[in-house]
PDB file of N, CA and C in Angstrom:
ATOM      1  N   UNK A   1     104.835  95.338 105.990  1.00  0.00           N
ATOM      2  CA  UNK A   1     105.086  93.909 106.010  1.00  0.00           C
ATOM      3  C   UNK A   1     103.975  93.140 105.303  1.00  0.00           C
ATOM      4  N   UNK A   2     102.746  93.589 105.501  1.00  0.00           N
ATOM      5  CA  UNK A   2     101.611  92.895 104.896  1.00  0.00           C
ATOM      6  C   UNK A   2     101.678  92.991 103.379  1.00  0.00           C
ATOM      7  N   UNK A   3     101.881  94.202 102.871  1.00  0.00           N
ATOM      8  CA  UNK A   3     101.920  94.365 101.421  1.00  0.00           C
ATOM      9  C   UNK A   3     103.145  93.686 100.814  1.00  0.00           C
ATOM     10  N   UNK A   4     104.270  93.681 101.519  1.00  0.00           N
ATOM     11  CA  UNK A   4     105.459  92.987 101.021  1.00  0.00           C
ATOM     12  C   UNK A   4     105.179  91.493 100.894  1.00  0.00           C
ATOM     13  N   UNK A   5     104.512  90.921 101.892  1.00  0.00           N
ATOM     14  CA  UNK A   5     104.191  89.495 101.808  1.00  0.00           C
ATOM     15  C   UNK A   5     103.201  89.238 100.676  1.00  0.00           C
ATOM     16  N   UNK A   6     102.225  90.124 100.513  1.00  0.00           N
ATOM     17  CA  UNK A   6     101.267  89.946  99.409  1.00  0.00           C
ATOM     18  C   UNK A   6     101.955  90.013  98.051  1.00  0.00           C
ATOM     19  N   UNK A   7     102.917  90.918  97.902  1.00  0.00           N
ATOM     20  CA  UNK A   7     103.648  90.985  96.627  1.00  0.00           C
ATOM     21  C   UNK A   7     104.419  89.696  96.387  1.00  0.00           C
ATOM     22  N   UNK A   8     105.014  89.120  97.430  1.00  0.00           N
ATOM     23  CA  UNK A   8     105.719  87.837  97.288  1.00  0.00           C
ATOM     24  C   UNK A   8     104.756  86.734  96.878  1.00  0.00           C
ATOM     25  N   UNK A   9     103.562  86.760  97.450  1.00  0.00           N
ATOM     26  CA  UNK A   9     102.547  85.761  97.102  1.00  0.00           C
ATOM     27  C   UNK A   9     102.133  85.920  95.649  1.00  0.00           C
ATOM     28  N   UNK A  10     101.837  87.136  95.233  1.00  0.00           N
ATOM     29  CA  UNK A  10     101.389  87.328  93.845  1.00  0.00           C
ATOM     30  C   UNK A  10     102.517  87.055  92.853  1.00  0.00           C
ATOM     31  N   UNK A  11     103.764  87.263  93.253  1.00  0.00           N
ATOM     32  CA  UNK A  11     104.898  86.923  92.375  1.00  0.00           C
ATOM     33  C   UNK A  11     104.971  85.424  92.116  1.00  0.00           C
ATOM     34  N   UNK A  12     104.414  84.617  93.025  1.00  0.00           N
ATOM     35  CA  UNK A  12     104.443  83.163  92.885  1.00  0.00           C
ATOM     36  C   UNK A  12     103.299  82.637  92.019  1.00  0.00           C
ATOM     37  N   UNK A  13     102.392  83.522  91.603  1.00  0.00           N
ATOM     38  CA  UNK A  13     101.245  83.112  90.785  1.00  0.00           C
ATOM     39  C   UNK A  13     101.524  83.363  89.308  1.00  0.00           C
ATOM     40  N   UNK A  14     100.893  82.581  88.479  1.00  0.00           N
ATOM     41  CA  UNK A  14     101.036  82.769  87.037  1.00  0.00           C
ATOM     42  C   UNK A  14     100.209  83.976  86.596  1.00  0.00           C
ATOM     43  N   UNK A  15     100.504  84.530  85.414  1.00  0.00           N
ATOM     44  CA  UNK A  15      99.672  85.626  84.900  1.00  0.00           C
ATOM     45  C   UNK A  15      98.197  85.238  84.779  1.00  0.00           C
ATOM     46  N   UNK A  16      97.928  83.999  84.393  1.00  0.00           N
ATOM     47  CA  UNK A  16      96.535  83.545  84.284  1.00  0.00           C
ATOM     48  C   UNK A  16      95.865  83.514  85.652  1.00  0.00           C
ATOM     49  N   UNK A  17      96.610  83.087  86.668  1.00  0.00           N
ATOM     50  CA  UNK A  17      96.046  83.076  88.019  1.00  0.00           C
ATOM     51  C   UNK A  17      95.798  84.501  88.515  1.00  0.00           C
ATOM     52  N   UNK A  18      96.745  85.391  88.245  1.00  0.00           N
ATOM     53  CA  UNK A  18      96.591  86.782  88.685  1.00  0.00           C
ATOM     54  C   UNK A  18      95.348  87.434  88.093  1.00  0.00           C
ATOM     55  N   UNK A  19      95.014  87.081  86.862  1.00  0.00           N
ATOM     56  CA  UNK A  19      93.819  87.653  86.235  1.00  0.00           C
ATOM     57  C   UNK A  19      92.540  87.247  86.954  1.00  0.00           C
ATOM     58  N   UNK A  20      92.582  86.140  87.681  1.00  0.00           N
ATOM     59  CA  UNK A  20      91.418  85.639  88.397  1.00  0.00           C
ATOM     60  C   UNK A  20      91.344  86.139  89.837  1.00  0.00           C
ATOM     61  N   UNK A  21      92.383  86.803  90.309  1.00  0.00           N
ATOM     62  CA  UNK A  21      92.526  87.137  91.716  1.00  0.00           C
ATOM     63  C   UNK A  21      92.197  88.594  91.998  1.00  0.00           C
ATOM     64  N   UNK A  22      91.468  88.826  93.077  1.00  0.00           N
ATOM     65  CA  UNK A  22      91.270  90.165  93.609  1.00  0.00           C
ATOM     66  C   UNK A  22      91.710  90.161  95.061  1.00  0.00           C
ATOM     67  N   UNK A  23      92.572  91.106  95.407  1.00  0.00           N
ATOM     68  CA  UNK A  23      93.015  91.270  96.782  1.00  0.00           C
ATOM     69  C   UNK A  23      92.358  92.539  97.308  1.00  0.00           C
ATOM     70  N   UNK A  24      91.532  92.392  98.315  1.00  0.00           N
ATOM     71  CA  UNK A  24      90.848  93.529  98.934  1.00  0.00           C
ATOM     72  C   UNK A  24      91.511  93.805 100.277  1.00  0.00           C
ATOM     73  N   UNK A  25      92.082  94.989 100.396  1.00  0.00           N
ATOM     74  CA  UNK A  25      92.685  95.416 101.653  1.00  0.00           C
ATOM     75  C   UNK A  25      91.762  96.466 102.263  1.00  0.00           C
ATOM     76  N   UNK A  26      91.258  96.172 103.442  1.00  0.00           N
ATOM     77  CA  UNK A  26      90.306  97.060 104.097  1.00  0.00           C
ATOM     78  C   UNK A  26      91.056  97.943 105.096  1.00  0.00           C
ATOM     79  N   UNK A  27      90.836  99.247 105.011  1.00  0.00           N
ATOM     80  CA  UNK A  27      91.484 100.155 105.941  1.00  0.00           C
ATOM     81  C   UNK A  27      91.114  99.827 107.385  1.00  0.00           C
ATOM     82  N   UNK A  28      92.057 100.050 108.270  1.00  0.00           N
ATOM     83  CA  UNK A  28      91.785  99.933 109.689  1.00  0.00           C
ATOM     84  C   UNK A  28      91.486 101.306 110.293  1.00  0.00           C
ATOM     85  N   UNK A  29      91.584 102.342 109.469  1.00  0.00           N
ATOM     86  CA  UNK A  29      91.417 103.718 109.932  1.00  0.00           C
ATOM     87  C   UNK A  29      90.512 104.499 108.977  1.00  0.00           C
ATOM     88  N   UNK A  30      89.234 104.134 108.920  1.00  0.00           N
ATOM     89  CA  UNK A  30      88.345 104.781 107.949  1.00  0.00           C
ATOM     90  C   UNK A  30      88.130 106.275 108.201  1.00  0.00           C
ATOM     91  N   UNK A  31      88.405 106.734 109.413  1.00  0.00           N
ATOM     92  CA  UNK A  31      88.257 108.158 109.702  1.00  0.00           C
ATOM     93  C   UNK A  31      89.294 108.988 108.940  1.00  0.00           C
ATOM     94  N   UNK A  32      90.477 108.435 108.708  1.00  0.00           N
ATOM     95  CA  UNK A  32      91.539 109.174 108.010  1.00  0.00           C
ATOM     96  C   UNK A  32      91.781 108.687 106.584  1.00  0.00           C
ATOM     97  N   UNK A  33      91.509 107.423 106.320  1.00  0.00           N
ATOM     98  CA  UNK A  33      91.837 106.850 105.011  1.00  0.00           C
ATOM     99  C   UNK A  33      90.704 107.066 104.020  1.00  0.00           C
ATOM    100  N   UNK A  34      90.765 108.181 103.322  1.00  0.00           N
ATOM    101  CA  UNK A  34      89.786 108.419 102.264  1.00  0.00           C
ATOM    102  C   UNK A  34      90.332 107.838 100.962  1.00  0.00           C
ATOM    103  N   UNK A  35      89.583 107.975  99.898  1.00  0.00           N
ATOM    104  CA  UNK A  35      89.962 107.384  98.611  1.00  0.00           C
ATOM    105  C   UNK A  35      91.308 107.934  98.124  1.00  0.00           C
ATOM    106  N   UNK A  36      91.528 109.222  98.276  1.00  0.00           N
ATOM    107  CA  UNK A  36      92.783 109.824  97.814  1.00  0.00           C
ATOM    108  C   UNK A  36      93.981 109.266  98.586  1.00  0.00           C
ATOM    109  N   UNK A  37      93.832 109.124  99.893  1.00  0.00           N
ATOM    110  CA  UNK A  37      94.934 108.589 100.696  1.00  0.00           C
ATOM    111  C   UNK A  37      95.219 107.141 100.329  1.00  0.00           C
ATOM    112  N   UNK A  38      94.173 106.340 100.134  1.00  0.00           N
ATOM    113  CA  UNK A  38      94.382 104.946  99.744  1.00  0.00           C
ATOM    114  C   UNK A  38      94.997 104.837  98.352  1.00  0.00           C
ATOM    115  N   UNK A  39      94.630 105.729  97.459  1.00  0.00           N
ATOM    116  CA  UNK A  39      95.244 105.736  96.122  1.00  0.00           C
ATOM    117  C   UNK A  39      96.738 106.039  96.223  1.00  0.00           C
ATOM    118  N   UNK A  40      97.105 106.970  97.092  1.00  0.00           N
ATOM    119  CA  UNK A  40      98.526 107.287  97.296  1.00  0.00           C
ATOM    120  C   UNK A  40      99.268 106.097  97.893  1.00  0.00           C
ATOM    121  N   UNK A  41      98.641 105.415  98.843  1.00  0.00           N
ATOM    122  CA  UNK A  41      99.259 104.215  99.438  1.00  0.00           C
ATOM    123  C   UNK A  41      99.429 103.141  98.371  1.00  0.00           C
ATOM    124  N   UNK A  42      98.407 102.944  97.567  1.00  0.00           N
ATOM    125  CA  UNK A  42      98.471 101.944  96.498  1.00  0.00           C
ATOM    126  C   UNK A  42      99.620 102.237  95.541  1.00  0.00           C
ATOM    127  N   UNK A  43      99.776 103.505  95.185  1.00  0.00           N
ATOM    128  CA  UNK A  43     100.849 103.887  94.267  1.00  0.00           C
ATOM    129  C   UNK A  43     102.218 103.714  94.925  1.00  0.00           C
ATOM    130  N   UNK A  44     102.357 104.155  96.167  1.00  0.00           N
ATOM    131  CA  UNK A  44     103.661 104.068  96.834  1.00  0.00           C
ATOM    132  C   UNK A  44     104.067 102.619  97.124  1.00  0.00           C
ATOM    133  N   UNK A  45     103.092 101.761  97.355  1.00  0.00           N
ATOM    134  CA  UNK A  45     103.367 100.354  97.648  1.00  0.00           C
ATOM    135  C   UNK A  45     103.406  99.491  96.385  1.00  0.00           C
ATOM    136  N   UNK A  46     103.142 100.111  95.236  1.00  0.00           N
ATOM    137  CA  UNK A  46     103.140  99.398  93.951  1.00  0.00           C
ATOM    138  C   UNK A  46     102.132  98.250  93.955  1.00  0.00           C
ATOM    139  N   UNK A  47     100.870  98.622  94.233  1.00  0.00           N
ATOM    140  CA  UNK A  47      99.766  97.666  94.291  1.00  0.00           C
ATOM    141  C   UNK A  47      98.860  97.923  93.092  1.00  0.00           C
ATOM    142  N   UNK A  48      99.072  97.216  91.997  1.00  0.00           N
ATOM    143  CA  UNK A  48      98.367  97.545  90.755  1.00  0.00           C
ATOM    144  C   UNK A  48      96.895  97.125  90.752  1.00  0.00           C
ATOM    145  N   UNK A  49      96.099  97.982  90.123  1.00  0.00           N
ATOM    146  CA  UNK A  49      94.711  97.635  89.826  1.00  0.00           C
ATOM    147  C   UNK A  49      94.727  96.710  88.623  1.00  0.00           C
ATOM    148  N   UNK A  50      93.808  95.838  88.421  1.00  0.00           N
ATOM    149  CA  UNK A  50      92.646  95.558  89.256  1.00  0.00           C
ATOM    150  C   UNK A  50      92.913  94.520  90.340  1.00  0.00           C
ATOM    151  N   UNK A  51      94.148  93.979  90.399  1.00  0.00           N
ATOM    152  CA  UNK A  51      94.422  92.921  91.375  1.00  0.00           C
ATOM    153  C   UNK A  51      94.197  93.413  92.803  1.00  0.00           C
ATOM    154  N   UNK A  52      94.716  94.594  93.111  1.00  0.00           N
ATOM    155  CA  UNK A  52      94.609  95.137  94.465  1.00  0.00           C
ATOM    156  C   UNK A  52      93.515  96.192  94.531  1.00  0.00           C
ATOM    157  N   UNK A  53      92.658  96.058  95.509  1.00  0.00           N
ATOM    158  CA  UNK A  53      91.599  97.030  95.769  1.00  0.00           C
ATOM    159  C   UNK A  53      91.726  97.460  97.229  1.00  0.00           C
ATOM    160  N   UNK A  54      92.054  98.719  97.465  1.00  0.00           N
ATOM    161  CA  UNK A  54      92.128  99.241  98.828  1.00  0.00           C
ATOM    162  C   UNK A  54      90.795  99.889  99.141  1.00  0.00           C
ATOM    163  N   UNK A  55      90.168  99.417 100.219  1.00  0.00           N
ATOM    164  CA  UNK A  55      88.785  99.773 100.498  1.00  0.00           C
ATOM    165  C   UNK A  55      88.641 100.625 101.751  1.00  0.00           C
ATOM    166  N   UNK A  56      87.732 101.577 101.677  1.00  0.00           N
ATOM    167  CA  UNK A  56      87.355 102.397 102.812  1.00  0.00           C
ATOM    168  C   UNK A  56      85.856 102.635 102.738  1.00  0.00           C
ATOM    169  N   UNK A  57      85.337 103.408 103.648  1.00  0.00           N
ATOM    170  CA  UNK A  57      83.913 103.722 103.662  1.00  0.00           C
ATOM    171  C   UNK A  57      83.553 104.410 104.951  1.00  0.00           C
ATOM    172  N   UNK A  58      82.283 104.439 105.244  1.00  0.00           N
ATOM    173  CA  UNK A  58      81.823 105.027 106.505  1.00  0.00           C
ATOM    174  C   UNK A  58      82.384 104.207 107.655  1.00  0.00           C
ATOM    175  N   UNK A  59      82.784 104.890 108.716  1.00  0.00           N
ATOM    176  CA  UNK A  59      83.401 104.220 109.862  1.00  0.00           C
ATOM    177  C   UNK A  59      82.558 103.071 110.399  1.00  0.00           C
ATOM    178  N   UNK A  60      81.265 103.302 110.550  1.00  0.00           N
ATOM    179  CA  UNK A  60      80.386 102.250 111.080  1.00  0.00           C
ATOM    180  C   UNK A  60      80.432 100.998 110.214  1.00  0.00           C
ATOM    181  N   UNK A  61      80.353 101.203 108.909  1.00  0.00           N
ATOM    182  CA  UNK A  61      80.334 100.076 107.973  1.00  0.00           C
ATOM    183  C   UNK A  61      81.668  99.335 107.977  1.00  0.00           C
ATOM    184  N   UNK A  62      82.753 100.087 107.869  1.00  0.00           N
ATOM    185  CA  UNK A  62      84.084  99.470 107.836  1.00  0.00           C
ATOM    186  C   UNK A  62      84.348  98.711 109.130  1.00  0.00           C
ATOM    187  N   UNK A  63      84.069  99.326 110.267  1.00  0.00           N
ATOM    188  CA  UNK A  63      84.319  98.664 111.549  1.00  0.00           C
ATOM    189  C   UNK A  63      83.443  97.427 111.728  1.00  0.00           C
ATOM    190  N   UNK A  64      82.235  97.464 111.223  1.00  0.00           N
ATOM    191  CA  UNK A  64      81.356  96.292 111.277  1.00  0.00           C
ATOM    192  C   UNK A  64      81.963  95.134 110.470  1.00  0.00           C
ATOM    193  N   UNK A  65      82.434  95.426 109.275  1.00  0.00           N
ATOM    194  CA  UNK A  65      83.063  94.398 108.432  1.00  0.00           C
ATOM    195  C   UNK A  65      84.309  93.844 109.113  1.00  0.00           C
ATOM    196  N   UNK A  66      85.154  94.736 109.633  1.00  0.00           N
ATOM    197  CA  UNK A  66      86.374  94.286 110.307  1.00  0.00           C
ATOM    198  C   UNK A  66      86.046  93.399 111.508  1.00  0.00           C
ATOM    199  N   UNK A  67      85.039  93.787 112.280  1.00  0.00           N
ATOM    200  CA  UNK A  67      84.632  92.980 113.431  1.00  0.00           C
ATOM    201  C   UNK A  67      84.128  91.608 112.990  1.00  0.00           C
ATOM    202  N   UNK A  68      83.322  91.579 111.938  1.00  0.00           N
ATOM    203  CA  UNK A  68      82.774  90.308 111.459  1.00  0.00           C
ATOM    204  C   UNK A  68      83.854  89.350 110.970  1.00  0.00           C
ATOM    205  N   UNK A  69      84.944  89.886 110.431  1.00  0.00           N
ATOM    206  CA  UNK A  69      86.034  89.033 109.952  1.00  0.00           C
ATOM    207  C   UNK A  69      87.097  88.760 111.017  1.00  0.00           C
ATOM    208  N   UNK A  70      86.919  89.303 112.219  1.00  0.00           N
ATOM    209  CA  UNK A  70      87.838  88.999 113.312  1.00  0.00           C
ATOM    210  C   UNK A  70      89.103  89.824 113.351  1.00  0.00           C
ATOM    211  N   UNK A  71      89.077  91.016 112.755  1.00  0.00           N
ATOM    212  CA  UNK A  71      90.245  91.885 112.828  1.00  0.00           C
ATOM    213  C   UNK A  71      90.253  92.588 114.177  1.00  0.00           C
ATOM    214  N   UNK A  72      91.261  92.274 114.988  1.00  0.00           N
ATOM    215  CA  UNK A  72      91.413  92.890 116.296  1.00  0.00           C
ATOM    216  C   UNK A  72      92.294  94.120 116.126  1.00  0.00           C
ATOM    217  N   UNK A  73      91.859  95.236 116.672  1.00  0.00           N
ATOM    218  CA  UNK A  73      92.639  96.455 116.552  1.00  0.00           C
ATOM    219  C   UNK A  73      92.436  97.317 117.784  1.00  0.00           C
ATOM    220  N   UNK A  74      93.494  98.069 118.096  1.00  0.00           N
ATOM    221  CA  UNK A  74      93.456  98.977 119.240  1.00  0.00           C
ATOM    222  C   UNK A  74      94.138 100.271 118.827  1.00  0.00           C
ATOM    223  N   UNK A  75      93.423 101.363 118.971  1.00  0.00           N
ATOM    224  CA  UNK A  75      93.918 102.680 118.587  1.00  0.00           C
ATOM    225  C   UNK A  75      94.624 103.323 119.773  1.00  0.00           C
ATOM    226  N   UNK A  76      95.850 103.803 119.564  1.00  0.00           N
ATOM    227  CA  UNK A  76      96.588 104.527 120.589  1.00  0.00           C
ATOM    228  C   UNK A  76      96.324 106.012 120.376  1.00  0.00           C
ATOM    229  N   UNK A  77      95.553 106.643 121.261  1.00  0.00           N
ATOM    230  CA  UNK A  77      95.197 108.047 121.052  1.00  0.00           C
ATOM    231  C   UNK A  77      96.393 108.994 121.104  1.00  0.00           C
ATOM    232  N   UNK A  78      97.466 108.605 121.780  1.00  0.00           N
ATOM    233  CA  UNK A  78      98.641 109.471 121.869  1.00  0.00           C
ATOM    234  C   UNK A  78      99.444 109.493 120.576  1.00  0.00           C
ATOM    235  N   UNK A  79      99.632 108.334 119.961  1.00  0.00           N
ATOM    236  CA  UNK A  79     100.463 108.256 118.749  1.00  0.00           C
ATOM    237  C   UNK A  79      99.644 108.228 117.461  1.00  0.00           C
ATOM    238  N   UNK A  80      98.372 107.858 117.584  1.00  0.00           N
ATOM    239  CA  UNK A  80      97.546 107.696 116.390  1.00  0.00           C
ATOM    240  C   UNK A  80      97.737 106.353 115.719  1.00  0.00           C
ATOM    241  N   UNK A  81      98.669 105.553 116.238  1.00  0.00           N
ATOM    242  CA  UNK A  81      98.939 104.234 115.663  1.00  0.00           C
ATOM    243  C   UNK A  81      97.810 103.264 116.004  1.00  0.00           C
ATOM    244  N   UNK A  82      97.624 102.294 115.118  1.00  0.00           N
ATOM    245  CA  UNK A  82      96.634 101.248 115.345  1.00  0.00           C
ATOM    246  C   UNK A  82      97.379  99.920 115.427  1.00  0.00           C
ATOM    247  N   UNK A  83      97.347  99.320 116.595  1.00  0.00           N
ATOM    248  CA  UNK A  83      97.928  97.997 116.781  1.00  0.00           C
ATOM    249  C   UNK A  83      96.870  96.993 116.336  1.00  0.00           C
ATOM    250  N   UNK A  84      97.261  96.015 115.541  1.00  0.00           N
ATOM    251  CA  UNK A  84      96.267  95.097 114.971  1.00  0.00           C
ATOM    252  C   UNK A  84      96.879  93.747 114.668  1.00  0.00           C
ATOM    253  N   UNK A  85      95.992  92.758 114.542  1.00  0.00           N
ATOM    254  CA  UNK A  85      96.445  91.456 114.067  1.00  0.00           C
ATOM    255  C   UNK A  85      96.593  91.527 112.548  1.00  0.00           C
ATOM    256  N   UNK A  86      97.410  90.668 112.017  1.00  0.00           N
ATOM    257  CA  UNK A  86      97.665  90.632 110.572  1.00  0.00           C
ATOM    258  C   UNK A  86      96.981  89.408 109.992  1.00  0.00           C
ATOM    259  N   UNK A  87      95.911  89.627 109.259  1.00  0.00           N
ATOM    260  CA  UNK A  87      95.151  88.516 108.712  1.00  0.00           C
ATOM    261  C   UNK A  87      95.072  88.594 107.198  1.00  0.00           C
ATOM    262  N   UNK A  88      95.223  87.439 106.591  1.00  0.00           N
ATOM    263  CA  UNK A  88      94.918  87.248 105.179  1.00  0.00           C
ATOM    264  C   UNK A  88      93.730  86.299 105.158  1.00  0.00           C
ATOM    265  N   UNK A  89      92.608  86.780 104.734  1.00  0.00           N
ATOM    266  CA  UNK A  89      91.401  85.953 104.685  1.00  0.00           C
ATOM    267  C   UNK A  89      91.147  85.628 103.218  1.00  0.00           C
ATOM    268  N   UNK A  90      91.148  84.348 102.903  1.00  0.00           N
ATOM    269  CA  UNK A  90      90.952  83.894 101.531  1.00  0.00           C
ATOM    270  C   UNK A  90      89.492  83.479 101.381  1.00  0.00           C
ATOM    271  N   UNK A  91      88.827  84.134 100.455  1.00  0.00           N
ATOM    272  CA  UNK A  91      87.416  83.865 100.213  1.00  0.00           C
ATOM    273  C   UNK A  91      87.298  83.108  98.897  1.00  0.00           C
ATOM    274  N   UNK A  92      86.561  82.002  98.925  1.00  0.00           N
ATOM    275  CA  UNK A  92      86.444  81.164  97.729  1.00  0.00           C
ATOM    276  C   UNK A  92      85.449  81.753  96.732  1.00  0.00           C
ATOM    277  N   UNK A  93      85.299  81.063  95.619  1.00  0.00           N
ATOM    278  CA  UNK A  93      84.418  81.545  94.544  1.00  0.00           C
ATOM    279  C   UNK A  93      82.951  81.611  94.962  1.00  0.00           C
ATOM    280  N   UNK A  94      82.600  80.896  96.016  1.00  0.00           N
ATOM    281  CA  UNK A  94      81.234  80.921  96.521  1.00  0.00           C
ATOM    282  C   UNK A  94      80.998  82.005  97.563  1.00  0.00           C
ATOM    283  N   UNK A  95      82.043  82.814  97.848  1.00  0.00           N
ATOM    284  CA  UNK A  95      81.908  83.892  98.815  1.00  0.00           C
ATOM    285  C   UNK A  95      82.092  83.465 100.260  1.00  0.00           C
ATOM    286  N   UNK A  96      82.629  82.256 100.464  1.00  0.00           N
ATOM    287  CA  UNK A  96      82.842  81.734 101.812  1.00  0.00           C
ATOM    288  C   UNK A  96      84.316  81.875 102.219  1.00  0.00           C
ATOM    289  N   UNK A  97      84.539  82.078 103.501  1.00  0.00           N
ATOM    290  CA  UNK A  97      85.915  82.096 104.003  1.00  0.00           C
ATOM    291  C   UNK A  97      86.462  80.679 103.889  1.00  0.00           C
ATOM    292  N   UNK A  98      87.513  80.540 103.087  1.00  0.00           N
ATOM    293  CA  UNK A  98      88.120  79.226 102.871  1.00  0.00           C
ATOM    294  C   UNK A  98      89.339  79.020 103.770  1.00  0.00           C
ATOM    295  N   UNK A  99      90.114  80.079 103.968  1.00  0.00           N
ATOM    296  CA  UNK A  99      91.334  79.998 104.761  1.00  0.00           C
ATOM    297  C   UNK A  99      91.574  81.337 105.442  1.00  0.00           C
ATOM    298  N   UNK A 100      92.315  81.259 106.556  1.00  0.00           N
ATOM    299  CA  UNK A 100      92.797  82.460 107.230  1.00  0.00           C
ATOM    300  C   UNK A 100      94.264  82.234 107.555  1.00  0.00           C
ATOM    301  N   UNK A 101      95.090  83.200 107.191  1.00  0.00           N
ATOM    302  CA  UNK A 101      96.530  83.112 107.429  1.00  0.00           C
ATOM    303  C   UNK A 101      97.007  84.394 108.089  1.00  0.00           C
ATOM    304  N   UNK A 102      98.240  84.353 108.602  1.00  0.00           N
ATOM    305  CA  UNK A 102      98.869  85.535 109.160  1.00  0.00           C
ATOM    306  C   UNK A 102     100.239  85.704 108.499  1.00  0.00           C
ATOM    307  N   UNK A 103     101.065  86.568 109.037  1.00  0.00           N
ATOM    308  CA  UNK A 103     102.386  86.816 108.461  1.00  0.00           C
ATOM    309  C   UNK A 103     103.354  85.684 108.775  1.00  0.00           C
ATOM    310  N   UNK A 104     104.378  85.557 107.957  1.00  0.00           N
ATOM    311  CA  UNK A 104     105.438  84.582 108.189  1.00  0.00           C
ATOM    312  C   UNK A 104     105.665  83.709 106.976  1.00  0.00           C
ATOM    313  N   UNK A 105     106.861  83.145 106.881  1.00  0.00           N
ATOM    314  CA  UNK A 105     107.222  82.354 105.705  1.00  0.00           C
ATOM    315  C   UNK A 105     106.377  81.091 105.567  1.00  0.00           C
ATOM    316  N   UNK A 106     106.131  80.394 106.662  1.00  0.00           N
ATOM    317  CA  UNK A 106     105.314  79.188 106.582  1.00  0.00           C
ATOM    318  C   UNK A 106     103.905  79.544 106.149  1.00  0.00           C
ATOM    319  N   UNK A 107     103.332  80.567 106.778  1.00  0.00           N
ATOM    320  CA  UNK A 107     101.989  81.025 106.421  1.00  0.00           C
ATOM    321  C   UNK A 107     101.938  81.483 104.956  1.00  0.00           C
ATOM    322  N   UNK A 108     102.999  82.140 104.503  1.00  0.00           N
ATOM    323  CA  UNK A 108     103.062  82.589 103.117  1.00  0.00           C
ATOM    324  C   UNK A 108     103.026  81.405 102.157  1.00  0.00           C
ATOM    325  N   UNK A 109     103.781  80.371 102.458  1.00  0.00           N
ATOM    326  CA  UNK A 109     103.790  79.171 101.604  1.00  0.00           C
ATOM    327  C   UNK A 109     102.407  78.535 101.574  1.00  0.00           C
ATOM    328  N   UNK A 110     101.743  78.482 102.722  1.00  0.00           N
ATOM    329  CA  UNK A 110     100.391  77.925 102.775  1.00  0.00           C
ATOM    330  C   UNK A 110      99.408  78.780 101.984  1.00  0.00           C
ATOM    331  N   UNK A 111      99.566  80.092 102.069  1.00  0.00           N
ATOM    332  CA  UNK A 111      98.690  81.005 101.332  1.00  0.00           C
ATOM    333  C   UNK A 111      98.847  80.800  99.827  1.00  0.00           C
ATOM    334  N   UNK A 112     100.067  80.670  99.364  1.00  0.00           N
ATOM    335  CA  UNK A 112     100.317  80.423  97.936  1.00  0.00           C
ATOM    336  C   UNK A 112      99.668  79.113  97.507  1.00  0.00           C
ATOM    337  N   UNK A 113      99.860  78.074  98.305  1.00  0.00           N
ATOM    338  CA  UNK A 113      99.265  76.767  97.991  1.00  0.00           C
ATOM    339  C   UNK A 113      97.735  76.857  97.950  1.00  0.00           C
ATOM    340  N   UNK A 114      97.159  77.541  98.913  1.00  0.00           N
ATOM    341  CA  UNK A 114      95.696  77.692  98.961  1.00  0.00           C
ATOM    342  C   UNK A 114      95.189  78.447  97.732  1.00  0.00           C
ATOM    343  N   UNK A 115      95.887  79.504  97.340  1.00  0.00           N
ATOM    344  CA  UNK A 115      95.458  80.269  96.167  1.00  0.00           C
ATOM    345  C   UNK A 115      95.558  79.433  94.892  1.00  0.00           C
ATOM    346  N   UNK A 116      96.651  78.668  94.756  1.00  0.00           N
ATOM    347  CA  UNK A 116      96.765  77.783  93.589  1.00  0.00           C
ATOM    348  C   UNK A 116      95.561  76.843  93.510  1.00  0.00           C
ATOM    349  N   UNK A 117      95.196  76.255  94.648  1.00  0.00           N
ATOM    350  CA  UNK A 117      94.076  75.314  94.675  1.00  0.00           C
ATOM    351  C   UNK A 117      92.760  76.002  94.330  1.00  0.00           C
ATOM    352  N   UNK A 118      92.489  77.133  94.966  1.00  0.00           N
ATOM    353  CA  UNK A 118      91.214  77.812  94.739  1.00  0.00           C
ATOM    354  C   UNK A 118      91.114  78.396  93.335  1.00  0.00           C
ATOM    355  N   UNK A 119      92.218  78.918  92.820  1.00  0.00           N
ATOM    356  CA  UNK A 119      92.185  79.496  91.481  1.00  0.00           C
ATOM    357  C   UNK A 119      92.073  78.431  90.387  1.00  0.00           C
ATOM    358  N   UNK A 120      92.401  77.202  90.719  1.00  0.00           N
ATOM    359  CA  UNK A 120      92.261  76.118  89.767  1.00  0.00           C
ATOM    360  C   UNK A 120      90.817  75.622  89.668  1.00  0.00           C
ATOM    361  N   UNK A 121      89.986  75.982  90.646  1.00  0.00           N
ATOM    362  CA  UNK A 121      88.578  75.560  90.629  1.00  0.00           C
ATOM    363  C   UNK A 121      87.820  76.325  89.553  1.00  0.00           C
ATOM    364  N   UNK A 122      86.890  75.672  88.885  1.00  0.00           N
ATOM    365  CA  UNK A 122      86.087  76.381  87.886  1.00  0.00           C
ATOM    366  C   UNK A 122      85.115  77.342  88.566  1.00  0.00           C
ATOM    367  N   UNK A 123      84.714  78.383  87.848  1.00  0.00           N
ATOM    368  CA  UNK A 123      83.693  79.294  88.374  1.00  0.00           C
ATOM    369  C   UNK A 123      84.082  80.745  88.209  1.00  0.00           C
ATOM    370  N   UNK A 124      83.315  81.581  88.855  1.00  0.00           N
ATOM    371  CA  UNK A 124      83.507  83.019  88.752  1.00  0.00           C
ATOM    372  C   UNK A 124      84.753  83.448  89.508  1.00  0.00           C
ATOM    373  N   UNK A 125      85.159  84.666  89.263  1.00  0.00           N
ATOM    374  CA  UNK A 125      86.335  85.268  89.903  1.00  0.00           C
ATOM    375  C   UNK A 125      86.145  85.313  91.417  1.00  0.00           C
ATOM    376  N   UNK A 126      87.199  84.889  92.213  1.00  0.00           N
ATOM    377  CA  UNK A 126      87.093  84.958  93.678  1.00  0.00           C
ATOM    378  C   UNK A 126      87.168  86.379  94.180  1.00  0.00           C
TER     379      UNK A 126
END
């Protein structure tokens, strides 16, 4: 659902806007999601480089980043599933959190509007 919404958002952007955009998706399961697995997910979900960057790393580092950005997650040891909140965190050209959105059509429309505004600002790539 998250990647489908992101594809809808990027479809609403112009080619010039897309060139300025980087979408970083951070794994919620760094113990299992190595670079090869994330590359397979990227290919199966049709998430093209350089726009989409699927990120992993050492568990301590990844979990620290997720905690700092407010990603709530709970691992079910029986199923291996991770229940989590769905967040889109928009970081501006200055490296600051500008907006936070979740799933849904209204949130998607707001995310598109926010990206149009931020990508229109002069400066380095967000």
